[in-house]
C-alpha atoms as a PDB file:
ATOM      1  CA  UNK A   1      -4.563  16.121 -15.517  1.00  0.00           C
ATOM      2  CA  UNK A   2      -7.062  15.051 -12.764  1.00  0.00           C
ATOM      3  CA  UNK A   3      -5.718  15.425  -9.025  1.00  0.00           C
ATOM      4  CA  UNK A   4      -4.779  11.912  -7.755  1.00  0.00           C
ATOM      5  CA  UNK A   5      -7.249  10.460  -5.198  1.00  0.00           C
ATOM      6  CA  UNK A   6      -5.253  10.147  -1.863  1.00  0.00           C
ATOM      7  CA  UNK A   7      -5.099   6.777  -0.389  1.00  0.00           C
ATOM      8  CA  UNK A   8      -4.823   5.320   3.326  1.00  0.00           C
ATOM      9  CA  UNK A   9      -4.033   1.560   3.504  1.00  0.00           C
ATOM     10  CA  UNK A  10      -3.759  -0.439   6.980  1.00  0.00           C
ATOM     11  CA  UNK A  11      -1.912  -3.518   6.611  1.00  0.00           C
ATOM     12  CA  UNK A  12      -2.877  -5.880   9.254  1.00  0.00           C
ATOM     13  CA  UNK A  13      -0.083  -8.667   8.675  1.00  0.00           C
ATOM     14  CA  UNK A  14       0.062 -11.904  10.428  1.00  0.00           C
ATOM     15  CA  UNK A  15      -2.611 -10.505  13.062  1.00  0.00           C
ATOM     16  CA  UNK A  16      -6.078 -10.973  14.521  1.00  0.00           C
ATOM     17  CA  UNK A  17      -8.526 -13.831  14.126  1.00  0.00           C
ATOM     18  CA  UNK A  18     -11.691 -13.637  12.333  1.00  0.00           C
ATOM     19  CA  UNK A  19     -13.806 -12.485  15.545  1.00  0.00           C
ATOM     20  CA  UNK A  20     -11.082  -9.914  16.243  1.00  0.00           C
ATOM     21  CA  UNK A  21     -10.966  -8.482  12.839  1.00  0.00           C
ATOM     22  CA  UNK A  22     -14.874  -8.163  12.847  1.00  0.00           C
ATOM     23  CA  UNK A  23     -14.487  -6.064  16.117  1.00  0.00           C
ATOM     24  CA  UNK A  24     -11.700  -3.919  14.829  1.00  0.00           C
ATOM     25  CA  UNK A  25     -13.838  -3.194  11.547  1.00  0.00           C
ATOM     26  CA  UNK A  26     -17.057  -2.684  13.541  1.00  0.00           C
ATOM     27  CA  UNK A  27     -14.999   0.009  15.555  1.00  0.00           C
ATOM     28  CA  UNK A  28     -13.928   1.659  12.342  1.00  0.00           C
ATOM     29  CA  UNK A  29     -16.957   1.597  10.982  1.00  0.00           C
ATOM     30  CA  UNK A  30     -18.531   3.756  13.614  1.00  0.00           C
ATOM     31  CA  UNK A  31     -15.520   6.464  14.279  1.00  0.00           C
ATOM     32  CA  UNK A  32     -14.442   6.626  10.401  1.00  0.00           C
ATOM     33  CA  UNK A  33     -15.445  10.064   9.401  1.00  0.00           C
ATOM     34  CA  UNK A  34     -17.942   9.842   6.415  1.00  0.00           C
ATOM     35  CA  UNK A  35     -16.604  12.235   4.250  1.00  0.00           C
ATOM     36  CA  UNK A  36     -12.913  11.633   3.847  1.00  0.00           C
ATOM     37  CA  UNK A  37     -11.226  12.732   0.910  1.00  0.00           C
ATOM     38  CA  UNK A  38      -8.940   9.535   0.999  1.00  0.00           C
ATOM     39  CA  UNK A  39      -9.435   5.935  -0.200  1.00  0.00           C
ATOM     40  CA  UNK A  40      -9.308   3.818   3.138  1.00  0.00           C
ATOM     41  CA  UNK A  41      -8.256   0.440   2.595  1.00  0.00           C
ATOM     42  CA  UNK A  42      -7.967  -2.329   5.068  1.00  0.00           C
ATOM     43  CA  UNK A  43      -5.636  -5.431   4.338  1.00  0.00           C
ATOM     44  CA  UNK A  44      -6.614  -8.410   6.641  1.00  0.00           C
ATOM     45  CA  UNK A  45      -5.225 -11.984   6.246  1.00  0.00           C
ATOM     46  CA  UNK A  46      -6.515 -14.006   4.057  1.00  0.00           C
ATOM     47  CA  UNK A  47      -8.676 -16.268   6.238  1.00  0.00           C
ATOM     48  CA  UNK A  48     -10.396 -12.875   7.213  1.00  0.00           C
ATOM     49  CA  UNK A  49     -11.064 -11.540   3.472  1.00  0.00           C
ATOM     50  CA  UNK A  50     -14.677 -13.194   3.210  1.00  0.00           C
ATOM     51  CA  UNK A  51     -15.911 -11.841   6.531  1.00  0.00           C
ATOM     52  CA  UNK A  52     -14.248  -8.561   5.983  1.00  0.00           C
ATOM     53  CA  UNK A  53     -15.862  -8.204   2.642  1.00  0.00           C
ATOM     54  CA  UNK A  54     -19.290  -8.916   4.194  1.00  0.00           C
ATOM     55  CA  UNK A  55     -18.604  -6.137   7.432  1.00  0.00           C
ATOM     56  CA  UNK A  56     -17.494  -3.368   4.737  1.00  0.00           C
ATOM     57  CA  UNK A  57     -20.583  -3.857   2.333  1.00  0.00           C
ATOM     58  CA  UNK A  58     -22.247  -0.483   2.114  1.00  0.00           C
ATOM     59  CA  UNK A  59     -19.489   1.354   3.615  1.00  0.00           C
ATOM     60  CA  UNK A  60     -16.605   3.411   1.947  1.00  0.00           C
ATOM     61  CA  UNK A  61     -14.032   0.998   3.294  1.00  0.00           C
ATOM     62  CA  UNK A  62     -12.043  -0.732   0.722  1.00  0.00           C
ATOM     63  CA  UNK A  63     -10.227  -4.106   1.166  1.00  0.00           C
ATOM     64  CA  UNK A  64      -6.946  -5.351  -0.135  1.00  0.00           C
ATOM     65  CA  UNK A  65      -4.844  -8.575  -0.121  1.00  0.00           C
ATOM     66  CA  UNK A  66      -1.576  -8.708   1.619  1.00  0.00           C
ATOM     67  CA  UNK A  67      -0.063 -11.032  -1.061  1.00  0.00           C
ATOM     68  CA  UNK A  68      -1.044 -13.068  -4.077  1.00  0.00           C
ATOM     69  CA  UNK A  69       0.592 -16.248  -5.684  1.00  0.00           C
ATOM     70  CA  UNK A  70       2.575 -15.905  -8.932  1.00  0.00           C
ATOM     71  CA  UNK A  71       0.438 -18.454 -10.985  1.00  0.00           C
ATOM     72  CA  UNK A  72      -3.191 -18.268 -11.485  1.00  0.00           C
ATOM     73  CA  UNK A  73      -3.809 -21.840 -10.418  1.00  0.00           C
ATOM     74  CA  UNK A  74      -2.290 -25.240  -9.906  1.00  0.00           C
ATOM     75  CA  UNK A  75      -0.533 -27.555  -7.387  1.00  0.00           C
ATOM     76  CA  UNK A  76       0.857 -24.634  -5.204  1.00  0.00           C
ATOM     77  CA  UNK A  77       0.003 -26.017  -1.760  1.00  0.00           C
ATOM     78  CA  UNK A  78      -0.701 -22.968   0.727  1.00  0.00           C
ATOM     79  CA  UNK A  79      -0.539 -20.310  -1.988  1.00  0.00           C
ATOM     80  CA  UNK A  80      -3.520 -18.291  -2.700  1.00  0.00           C
ATOM     81  CA  UNK A  81      -4.343 -17.234  -6.296  1.00  0.00           C
ATOM     82  CA  UNK A  82      -5.869 -14.345  -7.615  1.00  0.00           C
ATOM     83  CA  UNK A  83      -8.853 -16.165  -8.723  1.00  0.00           C
ATOM     84  CA  UNK A  84      -9.923 -16.695  -5.140  1.00  0.00           C
ATOM     85  CA  UNK A  85      -9.369 -13.055  -4.449  1.00  0.00           C
ATOM     86  CA  UNK A  86     -11.755 -11.847  -7.391  1.00  0.00           C
ATOM     87  CA  UNK A  87     -14.648  -9.941  -6.045  1.00  0.00           C
ATOM     88  CA  UNK A  88     -13.189  -9.297  -2.605  1.00  0.00           C
ATOM     89  CA  UNK A  89     -10.426  -6.779  -2.909  1.00  0.00           C
ATOM     90  CA  UNK A  90      -9.309  -3.946  -5.336  1.00  0.00           C
ATOM     91  CA  UNK A  91      -5.859  -3.964  -4.371  1.00  0.00           C
ATOM     92  CA  UNK A  92      -3.121  -6.754  -3.989  1.00  0.00           C
ATOM     93  CA  UNK A  93       0.076  -5.857  -2.011  1.00  0.00           C
ATOM     94  CA  UNK A  94       3.234  -7.326  -3.952  1.00  0.00           C
ATOM     95  CA  UNK A  95       6.795  -7.251  -2.735  1.00  0.00           C
ATOM     96  CA  UNK A  96       6.020  -6.152   0.508  1.00  0.00           C
ATOM     97  CA  UNK A  97       9.640  -5.983   2.389  1.00  0.00           C
ATOM     98  CA  UNK A  98       8.825  -8.894   4.347  1.00  0.00           C
ATOM     99  CA  UNK A  99       8.067 -11.021   1.654  1.00  0.00           C
ATOM    100  CA  UNK A 100      11.595  -9.989  -0.222  1.00  0.00           C
ATOM    101  CA  UNK A 101      13.648 -10.041   3.132  1.00  0.00           C
ATOM    102  CA  UNK A 102      11.915 -13.036   5.051  1.00  0.00           C
ATOM    103  CA  UNK A 103      10.679 -15.182   2.232  1.00  0.00           C
ATOM    104  CA  UNK A 104      13.337 -14.380  -0.431  1.00  0.00           C
ATOM    105  CA  UNK A 105      10.903 -12.931  -2.802  1.00  0.00           C
ATOM    106  CA  UNK A 106      13.284 -11.252  -5.619  1.00  0.00           C
ATOM    107  CA  UNK A 107      12.363  -8.774  -8.565  1.00  0.00           C
ATOM    108  CA  UNK A 108      11.393 -11.391 -10.715  1.00  0.00           C
ATOM    109  CA  UNK A 109       8.830 -12.941  -8.708  1.00  0.00           C
ATOM    110  CA  UNK A 110       7.391  -9.503  -7.746  1.00  0.00           C
ATOM    111  CA  UNK A 111       7.192  -8.442 -11.581  1.00  0.00           C
ATOM    112  CA  UNK A 112       4.968 -11.785 -12.311  1.00  0.00           C
ATOM    113  CA  UNK A 113       2.650 -10.862  -9.299  1.00  0.00           C
ATOM    114  CA  UNK A 114       2.134  -7.461 -10.403  1.00  0.00           C
ATOM    115  CA  UNK A 115       1.374  -8.740 -13.884  1.00  0.00           C
ATOM    116  CA  UNK A 116      -1.139 -11.089 -12.741  1.00  0.00           C
ATOM    117  CA  UNK A 117      -3.192  -8.736 -10.371  1.00  0.00           C
ATOM    118  CA  UNK A 118      -3.383  -6.244 -13.452  1.00  0.00           C
ATOM    119  CA  UNK A 119      -4.556  -9.183 -15.951  1.00  0.00           C
ATOM    120  CA  UNK A 120      -7.571  -9.534 -13.412  1.00  0.00           C
ATOM    121  CA  UNK A 121      -8.511  -6.166 -13.307  1.00  0.00           C
ATOM    122  CA  UNK A 122      -7.248  -5.586  -9.892  1.00  0.00           C
ATOM    123  CA  UNK A 123      -4.621  -3.197  -8.599  1.00  0.00           C
ATOM    124  CA  UNK A 124      -1.006  -4.113  -7.678  1.00  0.00           C
ATOM    125  CA  UNK A 125       0.649  -2.118  -4.905  1.00  0.00           C
ATOM    126  CA  UNK A 126       4.015  -2.531  -5.757  1.00  0.00           C
ATOM    127  CA  UNK A 127       6.597  -2.240  -2.464  1.00  0.00           C
ATOM    128  CA  UNK A 128      10.073  -0.869  -2.919  1.00  0.00           C
ATOM    129  CA  UNK A 129      12.747   0.400  -0.541  1.00  0.00           C
ATOM    130  CA  UNK A 130      16.061  -0.118   0.786  1.00  0.00           C
ATOM    131  CA  UNK A 131      17.112  -1.682   3.998  1.00  0.00           C
ATOM    132  CA  UNK A 132      19.292   0.134   6.990  1.00  0.00           C
ATOM    133  CA  UNK A 133      22.698  -1.304   5.456  1.00  0.00           C
ATOM    134  CA  UNK A 134      21.832  -0.071   1.746  1.00  0.00           C
ATOM    135  CA  UNK A 135      21.017   3.278   3.252  1.00  0.00           C
ATOM    136  CA  UNK A 136      24.341   3.839   5.269  1.00  0.00           C
ATOM    137  CA  UNK A 137      25.883   2.951   2.215  1.00  0.00           C
ATOM    138  CA  UNK A 138      24.460   5.480   0.185  1.00  0.00           C
ATOM    139  CA  UNK A 139      22.525   3.388  -2.183  1.00  0.00           C
ATOM    140  CA  UNK A 140      19.010   4.385  -1.267  1.00  0.00           C
ATOM    141  CA  UNK A 141      18.060   5.773  -4.792  1.00  0.00           C
ATOM    142  CA  UNK A 142      19.908   2.985  -6.734  1.00  0.00           C
ATOM    143  CA  UNK A 143      18.581   0.143  -4.748  1.00  0.00           C
ATOM    144  CA  UNK A 144      14.880   1.510  -4.536  1.00  0.00           C
ATOM    145  CA  UNK A 145      14.833   2.568  -8.423  1.00  0.00           C
ATOM    146  CA  UNK A 146      16.315  -0.572  -9.498  1.00  0.00           C
ATOM    147  CA  UNK A 147      13.608  -2.487  -7.652  1.00  0.00           C
ATOM    148  CA  UNK A 148      10.971  -0.274  -9.424  1.00  0.00           C
ATOM    149  CA  UNK A 149      12.214  -0.962 -13.039  1.00  0.00           C
ATOM    150  CA  UNK A 150      12.645  -4.855 -12.492  1.00  0.00           C
ATOM    151  CA  UNK A 151       9.201  -5.147 -10.473  1.00  0.00           C
ATOM    152  CA  UNK A 152       7.200  -3.200 -13.156  1.00  0.00           C
ATOM    153  CA  UNK A 153       8.857  -4.898 -16.515  1.00  0.00           C
ATOM    154  CA  UNK A 154       5.633  -6.801 -17.432  1.00  0.00           C
ATOM    155  CA  UNK A 155       3.487  -3.691 -17.271  1.00  0.00           C
ATOM    156  CA  UNK A 156       2.636  -1.124 -20.146  1.00  0.00           C
ATOM    157  CA  UNK A 157       2.265   2.778 -19.201  1.00  0.00           C
ATOM    158  CA  UNK A 158      -1.408   2.810 -19.182  1.00  0.00           C
ATOM    159  CA  UNK A 159      -0.932  -0.169 -16.724  1.00  0.00           C
ATOM    160  CA  UNK A 160       1.478   1.771 -14.450  1.00  0.00           C
ATOM    161  CA  UNK A 161      -0.765   4.721 -14.469  1.00  0.00           C
ATOM    162  CA  UNK A 162      -3.545   2.638 -12.795  1.00  0.00           C
ATOM    163  CA  UNK A 163      -0.866   1.089 -10.344  1.00  0.00           C
ATOM    164  CA  UNK A 164       0.232   1.879  -6.584  1.00  0.00           C
ATOM    165  CA  UNK A 165       3.586   2.165  -5.816  1.00  0.00           C
ATOM    166  CA  UNK A 166       4.555   1.936  -2.102  1.00  0.00           C
ATOM    167  CA  UNK A 167       7.979   3.621  -0.988  1.00  0.00           C
ATOM    168  CA  UNK A 168       8.961   1.735   2.670  1.00  0.00           C
ATOM    169  CA  UNK A 169      12.250   2.255   3.638  1.00  0.00           C
ATOM    170  CA  UNK A 170      13.145  -1.123   5.236  1.00  0.00           C
ATOM    171  CA  UNK A 171      14.671   0.784   8.270  1.00  0.00           C
ATOM    172  CA  UNK A 172      11.531   2.564   8.775  1.00  0.00           C
ATOM    173  CA  UNK A 173       9.302  -0.324   9.168  1.00  0.00           C
ATOM    174  CA  UNK A 174       8.337  -1.260  12.691  1.00  0.00           C
ATOM    175  CA  UNK A 175      11.420   0.640  14.345  1.00  0.00           C
ATOM    176  CA  UNK A 176       9.380   3.849  15.263  1.00  0.00           C
ATOM    177  CA  UNK A 177      12.081   5.604  13.173  1.00  0.00           C
ATOM    178  CA  UNK A 178      10.194   7.688  10.435  1.00  0.00           C
ATOM    179  CA  UNK A 179      11.469   8.935   6.986  1.00  0.00           C
ATOM    180  CA  UNK A 180      10.989  12.640   7.574  1.00  0.00           C
ATOM    181  CA  UNK A 181       8.764  14.328   4.851  1.00  0.00           C
ATOM    182  CA  UNK A 182      11.776  15.999   3.076  1.00  0.00           C
ATOM    183  CA  UNK A 183      13.447  12.990   2.661  1.00  0.00           C
ATOM    184  CA  UNK A 184      10.350  10.657   1.821  1.00  0.00           C
ATOM    185  CA  UNK A 185       9.235  13.469  -0.645  1.00  0.00           C
ATOM    186  CA  UNK A 186      12.767  13.628  -2.542  1.00  0.00           C
ATOM    187  CA  UNK A 187      12.480   9.531  -3.023  1.00  0.00           C
ATOM    188  CA  UNK A 188       8.810   9.788  -4.056  1.00  0.00           C
ATOM    189  CA  UNK A 189       9.770  12.768  -6.850  1.00  0.00           C
ATOM    190  CA  UNK A 190      12.821  10.273  -7.892  1.00  0.00           C
ATOM    191  CA  UNK A 191      10.093   7.510  -8.091  1.00  0.00           C
ATOM    192  CA  UNK A 192       7.918   9.580 -10.318  1.00  0.00           C
ATOM    193  CA  UNK A 193      11.014  10.740 -12.460  1.00  0.00           C
ATOM    194  CA  UNK A 194      11.875   7.014 -13.194  1.00  0.00           C
ATOM    195  CA  UNK A 195       8.220   6.306 -14.261  1.00  0.00           C
ATOM    196  CA  UNK A 196       8.383   9.659 -16.486  1.00  0.00           C
ATOM    197  CA  UNK A 197      11.476   8.150 -18.185  1.00  0.00           C
ATOM    198  CA  UNK A 198      10.203   4.684 -18.620  1.00  0.00           C
ATOM    199  CA  UNK A 199       6.828   5.316 -19.566  1.00  0.00           C
ATOM    200  CA  UNK A 200       6.117   9.097 -20.207  1.00  0.00           C
ATOM    201  CA  UNK A 201       4.443  11.917 -18.702  1.00  0.00           C
ATOM    202  CA  UNK A 202       0.920  10.637 -18.410  1.00  0.00           C
ATOM    203  CA  UNK A 203       1.892   7.523 -16.565  1.00  0.00           C
ATOM    204  CA  UNK A 204       4.349   9.477 -13.941  1.00  0.00           C
ATOM    205  CA  UNK A 205       1.646  12.187 -13.475  1.00  0.00           C
ATOM    206  CA  UNK A 206      -1.141   9.694 -12.916  1.00  0.00           C
ATOM    207  CA  UNK A 207       0.553   6.900 -10.513  1.00  0.00           C
ATOM    208  CA  UNK A 208       0.121   6.987  -7.112  1.00  0.00           C
ATOM    209  CA  UNK A 209       2.914   6.840  -4.543  1.00  0.00           C
ATOM    210  CA  UNK A 210       2.523   6.060  -1.000  1.00  0.00           C
ATOM    211  CA  UNK A 211       4.697   6.017   1.559  1.00  0.00           C
ATOM    212  CA  UNK A 212       5.271   3.388   4.761  1.00  0.00           C
ATOM    213  CA  UNK A 213       7.247   2.914   7.694  1.00  0.00           C
ATOM    214  CA  UNK A 214       6.338   3.494  10.961  1.00  0.00           C
ATOM    215  CA  UNK A 215       3.504   5.980  10.378  1.00  0.00           C
ATOM    216  CA  UNK A 216       1.506   7.760  13.245  1.00  0.00           C
ATOM    217  CA  UNK A 217      -1.140  10.141  13.501  1.00  0.00           C
ATOM    218  CA  UNK A 218       1.779  13.010  14.003  1.00  0.00           C
ATOM    219  CA  UNK A 219       3.588  11.797  11.221  1.00  0.00           C
ATOM    220  CA  UNK A 220       0.585  11.728   8.954  1.00  0.00           C
ATOM    221  CA  UNK A 221      -0.185  15.181   8.897  1.00  0.00           C
ATOM    222  CA  UNK A 222       3.651  16.120   8.072  1.00  0.00           C
ATOM    223  CA  UNK A 223       3.613  13.829   4.968  1.00  0.00           C
ATOM    224  CA  UNK A 224       0.296  15.332   3.727  1.00  0.00           C
ATOM    225  CA  UNK A 225       2.464  18.350   2.396  1.00  0.00           C
ATOM    226  CA  UNK A 226       4.383  16.121   0.446  1.00  0.00           C
ATOM    227  CA  UNK A 227       3.324  16.811  -3.394  1.00  0.00           C
ATOM    228  CA  UNK A 228       4.857  13.593  -4.566  1.00  0.00           C
ATOM    229  CA  UNK A 229       3.258  11.417  -2.127  1.00  0.00           C
ATOM    230  CA  UNK A 230      -0.326  10.402  -2.661  1.00  0.00           C
ATOM    231  CA  UNK A 231      -1.128   8.160   0.227  1.00  0.00           C
ATOM    232  CA  UNK A 232       0.435   6.153   3.340  1.00  0.00           C
ATOM    233  CA  UNK A 233       0.740   2.353   3.992  1.00  0.00           C
ATOM    234  CA  UNK A 234       0.236   2.109   7.496  1.00  0.00           C
ATOM    235  CA  UNK A 235       1.461  -1.167   9.440  1.00  0.00           C
ATOM    236  CA  UNK A 236       1.407  -1.553  13.151  1.00  0.00           C
ATOM    237  CA  UNK A 237      -0.746   1.754  13.897  1.00  0.00           C
ATOM    238  CA  UNK A 238      -3.663   0.126  11.801  1.00  0.00           C
ATOM    239  CA  UNK A 239      -4.504  -2.455  14.844  1.00  0.00           C
ATOM    240  CA  UNK A 240      -5.804   0.267  16.740  1.00  0.00           C
ATOM    241  CA  UNK A 241      -8.682   1.932  15.717  1.00  0.00           C
ATOM    242  CA  UNK A 242      -8.277   5.009  17.351  1.00  0.00           C
ATOM    243  CA  UNK A 243      -4.735   5.521  15.751  1.00  0.00           C
ATOM    244  CA  UNK A 244      -5.725   4.594  12.487  1.00  0.00           C
ATOM    245  CA  UNK A 245      -8.856   6.906  12.592  1.00  0.00           C
ATOM    246  CA  UNK A 246      -6.525   9.652  13.765  1.00  0.00           C
ATOM    247  CA  UNK A 247      -4.350   8.821  10.665  1.00  0.00           C
ATOM    248  CA  UNK A 248      -6.988   9.001   8.299  1.00  0.00           C
ATOM    249  CA  UNK A 249      -8.500  12.439   9.212  1.00  0.00           C
ATOM    250  CA  UNK A 250      -4.571  13.883   9.686  1.00  0.00           C
ATOM    251  CA  UNK A 251      -3.941  12.762   6.219  1.00  0.00           C
ATOM    252  CA  UNK A 252      -7.357  13.710   4.460  1.00  0.00           C
ATOM    253  CA  UNK A 253      -8.269  17.313   3.797  1.00  0.00           C
ATOM    254  CA  UNK A 254     -11.818  17.197   3.482  1.00  0.00           C
ATOM    255  CA  UNK A 255     -13.334  15.480   6.465  1.00  0.00           C
ATOM    256  CA  UNK A 256     -16.787  16.041   8.278  1.00  0.00           C
ATOM    257  CA  UNK A 257     -15.647  14.806  11.928  1.00  0.00           C
ATOM    258  CA  UNK A 258     -18.427  13.179  13.801  1.00  0.00           C
ATOM    259  CA  UNK A 259     -19.801  15.278  16.940  1.00  0.00           C
ATOM    260  CA  UNK A 260     -20.883  13.663  20.110  1.00  0.00           C
END
C-alpha cells in the first residue's frame, strides 16, 4: 500500500477581503518552503477564490472551498454550486461543525454534498466531531462515528478511499484547547476502523484523516507522530502567514528551508 500523502489545510472562514487575501497569499508564496512533503491547501471565501486561483498558479499551493450547495443548479438564492467551483478548487469542505451547529446542516445534507463533490471529480473533506457536552457525557466515539457513517452513505468504497475525513472536536475549535495527540490518534484509529468495517481494507488504508481544532506550530509537531492522522485542518492560525508556515514546516518531514 502506497504511503498516504500528508495534507495541511488552512480554512480562512469568513475573513479577509480580496485585497487582504491576495497579500496573505503573496506572503505565503515567499515563505513557504519549496520542498514540502505535505499538500498545502488554502480555503478562501467564495468571493476570493477566482483571484486566489490566479495567485496560486505556478506554485504548489492548492485551493479548496469552504462549502457547496447540495444541488447542482437551480433557484437557490445565495448558494454556490459545484459547477461554479469547477476548475478553481480541488477540495471542498462538507459538514464543517460551524455549518452543522450554526446553520443546522444534518448528516443527510452533508451526505448529499459529499456525493455531489465526488460526482464532479473533486475531493470532499467530510468533517465530523463531538461537542463539549457530548464529550462530557462520554459520547465522543458514538457521535463521531455515527456522523461519519451517515455522511458517507452515498459513496462507494473507491470513492471513500479518495476522500478526506476531518476529525474536528467542536470543543477544541477556536477555544485554544487542543485535543492531545493520543486522544486524536485514538479517534482517528476508530474512524479508520469504521471505514474498514463498512468499505473494506483498501479504503481504510487509503483514506486520509485530518485533525482540526486550535492547531498551532507546536501542536502540529506533536500530531506528526500520530500514525492514523494524515494531516491538519487549521482555522485561525492560517490567517497568520508566519504561524501557518511554521505549522506546515513542523508537520512536514521532508522540507527544504530557505536561507537568508
